Amino acid sequence: MRKIALVITVFALFSGCNRVKQFATPEQMVEQALKIVKTISVDELNKLMDSEEIYTLIDVRQKSEHYHGFIPGSLVIPRGSIEFLIGKEKFWEEEGLYMPLKDEKIILYCRKGNRGSMAASSLVQLGYKNVFTLDGGWKKWELTYPDLTDKNLDMLSGGGAEAHDDGGGC
């Protein structure tokens, strides 16, 4: 009888560990992500950009969003690709950059902060230890530092960018 009770207890413990947390809304997912990732303010990022500290700045929006305005020095890796590209040496070589190490500072941003938070959470789960999401995202940066923004005018005027898509306002 003790063996049966032990087997049931062990089964109950392990079956509970395999459950995937479910959320009613995407906002709840973002809230959960913010519990495990650090945020950086636009002022802190601005100071970091003026410092000698090494960091990697990644825009997780779609390329079509990036062309309309971005933080100088940022690299586009869309939210749907970041987990697959962050650790690919070939990708970084093609971009002319070095691949960030797991303990180096990585800052992610999107339009308002939601996709950036989700992407940052994924990188933490992949073992990156110094990951931040930009509080307020691109919109807060653009409003706070309008003179420190950039656009890819070649892509905008040359027809290379699709119609502006805000990714659902995320």
N, C-alpha and C. Protein backbone atom coordinates (compact mmCIF):
# COMPACT_ATOMS: atom_id res chain seq x y z
N MET A 1 0.82 -1.18 0.00
CA MET A 1 0.00 0.00 0.00
C MET A 1 0.88 1.27 0.00
N ARG A 2 1.98 1.21 0.74
CA ARG A 2 2.89 2.35 0.78
C ARG A 2 3.48 2.63 -0.60
N LYS A 3 3.79 1.58 -1.36
CA LYS A 3 4.36 1.76 -2.69
C LYS A 3 3.37 2.46 -3.61
N ILE A 4 2.12 2.08 -3.52
CA ILE A 4 1.10 2.70 -4.37
C ILE A 4 0.96 4.18 -4.02
N ALA A 5 0.95 4.50 -2.72
CA ALA A 5 0.85 5.89 -2.29
C ALA A 5 2.07 6.69 -2.76
N LEU A 6 3.25 6.08 -2.69
CA LEU A 6 4.47 6.74 -3.13
C LEU A 6 4.43 7.00 -4.64
N VAL A 7 3.99 6.01 -5.40
CA VAL A 7 3.89 6.17 -6.85
C VAL A 7 2.90 7.27 -7.20
N ILE A 8 1.77 7.32 -6.52
CA ILE A 8 0.77 8.36 -6.79
C ILE A 8 1.33 9.74 -6.45
N THR A 9 2.03 9.84 -5.33
CA THR A 9 2.62 11.11 -4.92
C THR A 9 3.65 11.58 -5.93
N VAL A 10 4.55 10.69 -6.33
CA VAL A 10 5.58 11.03 -7.31
C VAL A 10 4.94 11.44 -8.63
N PHE A 11 3.95 10.70 -9.07
CA PHE A 11 3.26 11.02 -10.32
C PHE A 11 2.61 12.41 -10.22
N ALA A 12 1.97 12.70 -9.12
CA ALA A 12 1.32 13.99 -8.94
C ALA A 12 2.34 15.13 -8.97
N LEU A 13 3.48 14.92 -8.33
CA LEU A 13 4.51 15.94 -8.32
C LEU A 13 5.06 16.22 -9.71
N PHE A 14 5.38 15.16 -10.44
CA PHE A 14 5.97 15.34 -11.77
C PHE A 14 4.96 15.80 -12.81
N SER A 15 3.73 15.38 -12.71
CA SER A 15 2.75 15.82 -13.69
C SER A 15 2.45 17.30 -13.51
N GLY A 16 2.55 17.80 -12.30
CA GLY A 16 2.37 19.23 -12.05
C GLY A 16 3.50 20.06 -12.63
N CYS A 17 4.69 19.50 -12.71
CA CYS A 17 5.85 20.23 -13.23
C CYS A 17 5.78 20.41 -14.73
N ASN A 18 5.04 19.58 -15.41
CA ASN A 18 5.00 19.63 -16.87
C ASN A 18 3.89 20.53 -17.40
N ARG A 19 3.15 21.14 -16.53
CA ARG A 19 2.06 22.00 -16.97
C ARG A 19 2.62 23.31 -17.51
N VAL A 20 2.04 23.77 -18.57
CA VAL A 20 2.41 25.05 -19.15
C VAL A 20 1.48 26.09 -18.55
N LYS A 21 2.07 27.17 -18.07
CA LYS A 21 1.25 28.24 -17.50
C LYS A 21 0.41 28.84 -18.61
N GLN A 22 -0.87 28.96 -18.34
CA GLN A 22 -1.78 29.53 -19.33
C GLN A 22 -2.21 30.92 -18.88
N PHE A 23 -2.42 31.78 -19.87
CA PHE A 23 -2.81 33.16 -19.61
C PHE A 23 -4.09 33.46 -20.35
N ALA A 24 -4.90 34.33 -19.78
CA ALA A 24 -6.16 34.72 -20.42
C ALA A 24 -5.94 35.80 -21.48
N THR A 25 -4.88 36.60 -21.31
CA THR A 25 -4.62 37.70 -22.25
C THR A 25 -3.13 37.83 -22.51
N PRO A 26 -2.77 38.45 -23.62
CA PRO A 26 -1.35 38.72 -23.88
C PRO A 26 -0.75 39.65 -22.83
N GLU A 27 -1.57 40.56 -22.30
CA GLU A 27 -1.09 41.48 -21.27
C GLU A 27 -0.61 40.72 -20.03
N GLN A 28 -1.28 39.63 -19.71
CA GLN A 28 -0.85 38.80 -18.58
C GLN A 28 0.49 38.15 -18.87
N MET A 29 0.71 37.77 -20.13
CA MET A 29 2.01 37.21 -20.51
C MET A 29 3.11 38.24 -20.35
N VAL A 30 2.84 39.47 -20.76
CA VAL A 30 3.82 40.55 -20.62
C VAL A 30 4.10 40.80 -19.14
N GLU A 31 3.05 40.83 -18.34
CA GLU A 31 3.20 41.03 -16.89
C GLU A 31 4.11 39.95 -16.28
N GLN A 32 3.92 38.72 -16.71
CA GLN A 32 4.76 37.62 -16.22
C GLN A 32 6.20 37.80 -16.70
N ALA A 33 6.37 38.21 -17.94
CA ALA A 33 7.72 38.42 -18.49
C ALA A 33 8.45 39.49 -17.69
N LEU A 34 7.75 40.55 -17.32
CA LEU A 34 8.37 41.65 -16.57
C LEU A 34 8.79 41.24 -15.16
N LYS A 35 8.31 40.10 -14.70
CA LYS A 35 8.74 39.60 -13.39
C LYS A 35 10.14 38.99 -13.46
N ILE A 36 10.57 38.61 -14.67
CA ILE A 36 11.88 37.96 -14.78
C ILE A 36 12.90 38.75 -15.59
N VAL A 37 12.49 39.88 -16.17
CA VAL A 37 13.44 40.70 -16.92
C VAL A 37 13.61 42.06 -16.26
N LYS A 38 14.75 42.67 -16.54
CA LYS A 38 15.04 44.00 -16.02
C LYS A 38 14.63 45.03 -17.07
N THR A 39 14.29 46.21 -16.59
CA THR A 39 13.97 47.30 -17.52
C THR A 39 15.07 48.36 -17.43
N ILE A 40 15.19 49.12 -18.50
CA ILE A 40 16.10 50.25 -18.54
C ILE A 40 15.30 51.43 -19.05
N SER A 41 15.47 52.58 -18.44
CA SER A 41 14.73 53.77 -18.87
C SER A 41 15.41 54.37 -20.10
N VAL A 42 14.68 55.24 -20.79
CA VAL A 42 15.27 55.89 -21.95
C VAL A 42 16.44 56.78 -21.53
N ASP A 43 16.35 57.39 -20.34
CA ASP A 43 17.46 58.21 -19.85
C ASP A 43 18.70 57.36 -19.56
N GLU A 44 18.48 56.19 -18.96
CA GLU A 44 19.61 55.29 -18.68
C GLU A 44 20.25 54.80 -19.99
N LEU A 45 19.42 54.49 -20.99
CA LEU A 45 19.96 54.07 -22.29
C LEU A 45 20.74 55.20 -22.93
N ASN A 46 20.23 56.41 -22.86
CA ASN A 46 20.94 57.56 -23.43
C ASN A 46 22.31 57.72 -22.79
N LYS A 47 22.39 57.59 -21.48
CA LYS A 47 23.68 57.68 -20.78
C LYS A 47 24.60 56.53 -21.19
N LEU A 48 24.03 55.34 -21.32
CA LEU A 48 24.81 54.17 -21.74
C LEU A 48 25.40 54.39 -23.12
N MET A 49 24.62 54.97 -24.02
CA MET A 49 25.10 55.22 -25.38
C MET A 49 26.28 56.19 -25.40
N ASP A 50 26.35 57.07 -24.41
CA ASP A 50 27.45 58.03 -24.33
C ASP A 50 28.65 57.47 -23.57
N SER A 51 28.51 56.29 -23.01
CA SER A 51 29.59 55.70 -22.21
C SER A 51 30.46 54.79 -23.07
N GLU A 52 31.45 54.20 -22.44
CA GLU A 52 32.35 53.26 -23.10
C GLU A 52 31.91 51.80 -22.90
N GLU A 53 30.80 51.61 -22.18
CA GLU A 53 30.34 50.25 -21.85
C GLU A 53 29.89 49.52 -23.12
N ILE A 54 30.19 48.23 -23.17
CA ILE A 54 29.78 47.40 -24.30
C ILE A 54 28.36 46.90 -24.07
N TYR A 55 27.55 47.02 -25.10
CA TYR A 55 26.17 46.53 -25.04
C TYR A 55 25.71 46.25 -26.47
N THR A 56 24.63 45.49 -26.56
CA THR A 56 24.01 45.21 -27.85
C THR A 56 22.57 45.71 -27.77
N LEU A 57 22.16 46.54 -28.73
CA LEU A 57 20.83 47.12 -28.77
C LEU A 57 20.06 46.48 -29.92
N ILE A 58 18.96 45.81 -29.59
CA ILE A 58 18.19 45.07 -30.59
C ILE A 58 16.76 45.58 -30.66
N ASP A 59 16.33 45.91 -31.87
CA ASP A 59 14.96 46.32 -32.16
C ASP A 59 14.22 45.05 -32.57
N VAL A 60 13.22 44.65 -31.79
CA VAL A 60 12.51 43.40 -32.09
C VAL A 60 11.25 43.62 -32.93
N ARG A 61 11.08 44.84 -33.44
CA ARG A 61 9.95 45.10 -34.33
C ARG A 61 10.25 44.49 -35.71
N GLN A 62 9.27 44.52 -36.58
CA GLN A 62 9.46 44.08 -37.95
C GLN A 62 10.33 45.12 -38.68
N LYS A 63 11.04 44.68 -39.71
CA LYS A 63 11.90 45.60 -40.46
C LYS A 63 11.11 46.79 -41.00
N SER A 64 9.88 46.55 -41.44
CA SER A 64 9.07 47.65 -41.98
C SER A 64 8.79 48.72 -40.92
N GLU A 65 8.73 48.34 -39.66
CA GLU A 65 8.54 49.31 -38.58
C GLU A 65 9.84 50.05 -38.31
N HIS A 66 10.94 49.34 -38.37
CA HIS A 66 12.27 49.89 -38.08
C HIS A 66 12.62 51.01 -39.05
N TYR A 67 12.28 50.86 -40.32
CA TYR A 67 12.64 51.85 -41.33
C TYR A 67 12.04 53.22 -41.02
N HIS A 68 10.88 53.24 -40.38
CA HIS A 68 10.18 54.49 -40.10
C HIS A 68 10.81 55.27 -38.95
N GLY A 69 11.65 54.63 -38.18
CA GLY A 69 12.34 55.30 -37.10
C GLY A 69 12.91 54.30 -36.13
N PHE A 70 14.16 54.56 -35.70
CA PHE A 70 14.81 53.63 -34.78
C PHE A 70 15.86 54.34 -33.97
N ILE A 71 16.33 53.67 -32.93
CA ILE A 71 17.39 54.20 -32.09
C ILE A 71 18.71 53.90 -32.79
N PRO A 72 19.54 54.93 -32.99
CA PRO A 72 20.82 54.71 -33.68
C PRO A 72 21.64 53.61 -33.00
N GLY A 73 22.25 52.78 -33.83
CA GLY A 73 23.09 51.69 -33.33
C GLY A 73 22.34 50.40 -33.06
N SER A 74 21.03 50.41 -33.30
CA SER A 74 20.26 49.19 -33.04
C SER A 74 20.25 48.28 -34.27
N LEU A 75 20.12 47.02 -33.99
CA LEU A 75 20.05 45.97 -35.01
C LEU A 75 18.65 45.38 -34.98
N VAL A 76 18.06 45.15 -36.14
CA VAL A 76 16.73 44.55 -36.19
C VAL A 76 16.83 43.04 -36.15
N ILE A 77 16.19 42.44 -35.14
CA ILE A 77 15.95 41.00 -35.10
C ILE A 77 14.51 40.86 -34.65
N PRO A 78 13.57 40.62 -35.57
CA PRO A 78 12.16 40.57 -35.20
C PRO A 78 11.87 39.57 -34.08
N ARG A 79 10.86 39.89 -33.31
CA ARG A 79 10.44 39.09 -32.16
C ARG A 79 10.31 37.61 -32.51
N GLY A 80 9.80 37.30 -33.65
CA GLY A 80 9.60 35.91 -34.04
C GLY A 80 10.87 35.16 -34.41
N SER A 81 11.99 35.87 -34.51
CA SER A 81 13.24 35.24 -34.92
C SER A 81 14.34 35.28 -33.88
N ILE A 82 14.18 36.09 -32.86
CA ILE A 82 15.29 36.36 -31.96
C ILE A 82 15.84 35.11 -31.27
N GLU A 83 14.97 34.21 -30.85
CA GLU A 83 15.46 33.01 -30.16
C GLU A 83 16.32 32.15 -31.08
N PHE A 84 16.04 32.21 -32.36
CA PHE A 84 16.76 31.38 -33.33
C PHE A 84 18.04 32.04 -33.84
N LEU A 85 18.11 33.38 -33.80
CA LEU A 85 19.26 34.08 -34.37
C LEU A 85 20.27 34.56 -33.33
N ILE A 86 19.85 34.76 -32.10
CA ILE A 86 20.73 35.36 -31.09
C ILE A 86 22.03 34.56 -30.91
N GLY A 87 21.97 33.26 -31.01
CA GLY A 87 23.14 32.43 -30.79
C GLY A 87 23.77 31.87 -32.06
N LYS A 88 23.42 32.42 -33.22
CA LYS A 88 23.96 31.94 -34.49
C LYS A 88 25.13 32.82 -34.93
N GLU A 89 26.31 32.26 -34.81
CA GLU A 89 27.54 32.99 -35.18
C GLU A 89 27.46 33.53 -36.61
N LYS A 90 26.94 32.74 -37.54
CA LYS A 90 26.87 33.14 -38.95
C LYS A 90 26.01 34.40 -39.13
N PHE A 91 24.90 34.48 -38.42
CA PHE A 91 24.04 35.65 -38.49
C PHE A 91 24.81 36.91 -38.10
N TRP A 92 25.53 36.84 -36.99
CA TRP A 92 26.27 37.99 -36.49
C TRP A 92 27.40 38.37 -37.44
N GLU A 93 28.06 37.37 -38.01
CA GLU A 93 29.12 37.64 -38.99
C GLU A 93 28.56 38.37 -40.19
N GLU A 94 27.39 37.93 -40.67
CA GLU A 94 26.76 38.57 -41.82
C GLU A 94 26.37 40.01 -41.52
N GLU A 95 26.06 40.30 -40.26
CA GLU A 95 25.72 41.66 -39.84
C GLU A 95 26.97 42.51 -39.58
N GLY A 96 28.14 41.87 -39.60
CA GLY A 96 29.38 42.57 -39.33
C GLY A 96 29.58 42.88 -37.85
N LEU A 97 28.97 42.09 -37.01
CA LEU A 97 29.04 42.29 -35.57
C LEU A 97 29.51 41.01 -34.89
N TYR A 98 29.92 41.14 -33.64
CA TYR A 98 30.25 39.94 -32.89
C TYR A 98 29.02 39.47 -32.14
N MET A 99 28.93 38.18 -31.94
CA MET A 99 27.80 37.58 -31.24
C MET A 99 27.92 37.88 -29.75
N PRO A 100 26.87 38.43 -29.13
CA PRO A 100 26.97 38.74 -27.70
C PRO A 100 27.11 37.47 -26.86
N LEU A 101 27.95 37.57 -25.84
CA LEU A 101 28.12 36.46 -24.91
C LEU A 101 26.95 36.45 -23.94
N LYS A 102 26.76 35.33 -23.26
CA LYS A 102 25.60 35.17 -22.37
C LYS A 102 25.59 36.15 -21.20
N ASP A 103 26.75 36.71 -20.84
CA ASP A 103 26.77 37.63 -19.70
C ASP A 103 26.89 39.10 -20.11
N GLU A 104 26.89 39.38 -21.41
CA GLU A 104 26.98 40.76 -21.88
C GLU A 104 25.62 41.44 -21.87
N LYS A 105 25.64 42.76 -21.76
CA LYS A 105 24.41 43.54 -21.69
C LYS A 105 23.72 43.55 -23.06
N ILE A 106 22.46 43.14 -23.05
CA ILE A 106 21.63 43.15 -24.25
C ILE A 106 20.36 43.93 -23.90
N ILE A 107 20.04 44.92 -24.73
CA ILE A 107 18.85 45.74 -24.52
C ILE A 107 17.93 45.55 -25.71
N LEU A 108 16.68 45.23 -25.42
CA LEU A 108 15.69 44.99 -26.46
C LEU A 108 14.61 46.07 -26.41
N TYR A 109 14.13 46.45 -27.57
CA TYR A 109 13.00 47.37 -27.59
C TYR A 109 12.07 47.07 -28.75
N CYS A 110 10.83 47.50 -28.59
CA CYS A 110 9.82 47.40 -29.64
C CYS A 110 9.09 48.74 -29.66
N ARG A 111 7.89 48.77 -30.13
CA ARG A 111 7.17 50.05 -30.23
C ARG A 111 6.83 50.62 -28.86
N LYS A 112 6.18 49.81 -28.01
CA LYS A 112 5.74 50.31 -26.70
C LYS A 112 6.36 49.56 -25.53
N GLY A 113 6.93 48.39 -25.78
CA GLY A 113 7.58 47.65 -24.70
C GLY A 113 7.11 46.22 -24.51
N ASN A 114 5.96 45.87 -25.08
CA ASN A 114 5.41 44.54 -24.85
C ASN A 114 6.21 43.43 -25.54
N ARG A 115 6.44 43.59 -26.83
CA ARG A 115 7.22 42.58 -27.55
C ARG A 115 8.65 42.51 -27.03
N GLY A 116 9.20 43.66 -26.67
CA GLY A 116 10.55 43.69 -26.10
C GLY A 116 10.62 42.90 -24.81
N SER A 117 9.60 43.03 -23.98
CA SER A 117 9.55 42.28 -22.71
C SER A 117 9.47 40.78 -22.95
N MET A 118 8.64 40.40 -23.91
CA MET A 118 8.48 38.97 -24.22
C MET A 118 9.79 38.40 -24.79
N ALA A 119 10.43 39.16 -25.67
CA ALA A 119 11.69 38.70 -26.26
C ALA A 119 12.78 38.61 -25.19
N ALA A 120 12.81 39.59 -24.29
CA ALA A 120 13.80 39.58 -23.21
C ALA A 120 13.59 38.36 -22.31
N SER A 121 12.35 38.04 -22.04
CA SER A 121 12.03 36.86 -21.23
C SER A 121 12.56 35.59 -21.90
N SER A 122 12.40 35.50 -23.20
CA SER A 122 12.91 34.34 -23.95
C SER A 122 14.43 34.24 -23.84
N LEU A 123 15.12 35.37 -23.93
CA LEU A 123 16.58 35.33 -23.84
C LEU A 123 17.03 34.92 -22.44
N VAL A 124 16.31 35.38 -21.42
CA VAL A 124 16.63 34.95 -20.05
C VAL A 124 16.46 33.43 -19.95
N GLN A 125 15.40 32.90 -20.54
CA GLN A 125 15.17 31.46 -20.52
C GLN A 125 16.24 30.70 -21.29
N LEU A 126 16.88 31.37 -22.26
CA LEU A 126 17.97 30.75 -23.01
C LEU A 126 19.32 30.90 -22.31
N GLY A 127 19.33 31.52 -21.14
CA GLY A 127 20.56 31.59 -20.36
C GLY A 127 21.30 32.91 -20.43
N TYR A 128 20.76 33.92 -21.11
CA TYR A 128 21.39 35.24 -21.14
C TYR A 128 21.11 35.91 -19.80
N LYS A 129 22.14 36.46 -19.20
CA LYS A 129 22.05 36.91 -17.81
C LYS A 129 21.91 38.42 -17.62
N ASN A 130 22.14 39.19 -18.65
CA ASN A 130 22.17 40.64 -18.49
C ASN A 130 21.27 41.28 -19.56
N VAL A 131 20.01 40.88 -19.56
CA VAL A 131 19.05 41.29 -20.58
C VAL A 131 18.11 42.35 -20.00
N PHE A 132 17.89 43.39 -20.80
CA PHE A 132 17.00 44.48 -20.39
C PHE A 132 15.98 44.74 -21.49
N THR A 133 14.85 45.29 -21.10
CA THR A 133 13.87 45.77 -22.06
C THR A 133 13.72 47.27 -21.83
N LEU A 134 13.57 48.03 -22.90
CA LEU A 134 13.47 49.48 -22.81
C LEU A 134 12.06 49.86 -22.35
N ASP A 135 11.98 50.48 -21.19
CA ASP A 135 10.70 50.89 -20.62
C ASP A 135 10.04 51.93 -21.53
N GLY A 136 8.86 51.61 -22.02
CA GLY A 136 8.14 52.52 -22.92
C GLY A 136 8.48 52.35 -24.38
N GLY A 137 9.52 51.57 -24.68
CA GLY A 137 9.89 51.25 -26.06
C GLY A 137 10.26 52.43 -26.93
N TRP A 138 10.18 52.19 -28.24
CA TRP A 138 10.55 53.19 -29.23
C TRP A 138 9.75 54.48 -29.07
N LYS A 139 8.45 54.38 -28.79
CA LYS A 139 7.62 55.57 -28.69
C LYS A 139 8.12 56.51 -27.60
N LYS A 140 8.48 55.95 -26.45
CA LYS A 140 8.98 56.79 -25.36
C LYS A 140 10.32 57.41 -25.74
N TRP A 141 11.18 56.62 -26.41
CA TRP A 141 12.47 57.14 -26.87
C TRP A 141 12.24 58.30 -27.84
N GLU A 142 11.37 58.09 -28.81
CA GLU A 142 11.10 59.09 -29.84
C GLU A 142 10.56 60.39 -29.23
N LEU A 143 9.68 60.27 -28.25
CA LEU A 143 9.12 61.45 -27.60
C LEU A 143 10.14 62.16 -26.70
N THR A 144 11.01 61.39 -26.07
CA THR A 144 11.99 61.95 -25.14
C THR A 144 13.21 62.50 -25.87
N TYR A 145 13.66 61.80 -26.89
CA TYR A 145 14.87 62.19 -27.62
C TYR A 145 14.60 62.26 -29.13
N PRO A 146 13.76 63.20 -29.57
CA PRO A 146 13.44 63.26 -31.01
C PRO A 146 14.66 63.54 -31.89
N ASP A 147 15.68 64.19 -31.34
CA ASP A 147 16.89 64.47 -32.13
C ASP A 147 17.84 63.28 -32.17
N LEU A 148 17.58 62.27 -31.36
CA LEU A 148 18.43 61.07 -31.33
C LEU A 148 17.67 59.88 -31.91
N THR A 149 17.06 60.10 -33.05
CA THR A 149 16.36 59.03 -33.77
C THR A 149 16.92 58.98 -35.18
N ASP A 150 16.67 57.90 -35.84
CA ASP A 150 17.17 57.72 -37.19
C ASP A 150 16.08 57.06 -38.03
N LYS A 151 16.18 57.20 -39.34
CA LYS A 151 15.27 56.55 -40.28
C LYS A 151 16.10 56.01 -41.42
N ASN A 152 15.62 54.94 -42.02
CA ASN A 152 16.28 54.41 -43.20
C ASN A 152 15.55 54.98 -44.41
N LEU A 153 15.96 56.18 -44.80
CA LEU A 153 15.27 56.89 -45.87
C LEU A 153 15.39 56.17 -47.21
N ASP A 154 16.49 55.46 -47.43
CA ASP A 154 16.64 54.71 -48.68
C ASP A 154 15.54 53.67 -48.81
N MET A 155 15.27 52.97 -47.74
CA MET A 155 14.22 51.94 -47.79
C MET A 155 12.84 52.57 -47.91
N LEU A 156 12.63 53.70 -47.25
CA LEU A 156 11.33 54.36 -47.32
C LEU A 156 11.05 54.91 -48.70
N SER A 157 12.03 55.59 -49.31
CA SER A 157 11.80 56.21 -50.61
C SER A 157 11.94 55.21 -51.75
N GLY A 158 12.70 54.16 -51.55
CA GLY A 158 12.93 53.19 -52.61
C GLY A 158 11.88 52.11 -52.71
N GLY A 159 10.87 52.19 -51.88
CA GLY A 159 9.81 51.20 -51.95
C GLY A 159 10.16 49.88 -51.29
N GLY A 160 11.28 49.81 -50.58
CA GLY A 160 11.67 48.56 -49.94
C GLY A 160 10.89 48.25 -48.69
N ALA A 161 10.33 49.26 -48.07
CA ALA A 161 9.57 49.03 -46.84
C ALA A 161 8.10 48.89 -47.19
N GLU A 162 7.46 47.92 -46.56
CA GLU A 162 6.04 47.76 -46.76
C GLU A 162 5.32 48.89 -46.04
N ALA A 163 4.02 48.95 -46.20
CA ALA A 163 3.25 49.95 -45.48
C ALA A 163 3.50 49.77 -43.99
N HIS A 164 3.54 50.89 -43.29
CA HIS A 164 3.85 50.85 -41.85
C HIS A 164 2.84 49.97 -41.11
N ASP A 165 3.37 49.03 -40.36
CA ASP A 165 2.56 48.12 -39.56
C ASP A 165 3.05 48.20 -38.14
N ASP A 166 2.18 48.57 -37.23
CA ASP A 166 2.62 48.73 -35.86
C ASP A 166 2.55 47.44 -35.06
N GLY A 167 2.34 46.31 -35.74
CA GLY A 167 2.35 45.02 -35.04
C GLY A 167 1.24 44.90 -34.02
N GLY A 168 0.10 45.51 -34.29
CA GLY A 168 -1.00 45.42 -33.36
C GLY A 168 -0.88 46.39 -32.20
N GLY A 169 0.02 47.35 -32.32
CA GLY A 169 0.17 48.36 -31.28
C GLY A 169 0.97 47.89 -30.09
N CYS A 170 1.71 46.81 -30.25
CA CYS A 170 2.47 46.25 -29.14
C CYS A 170 3.70 47.07 -28.86
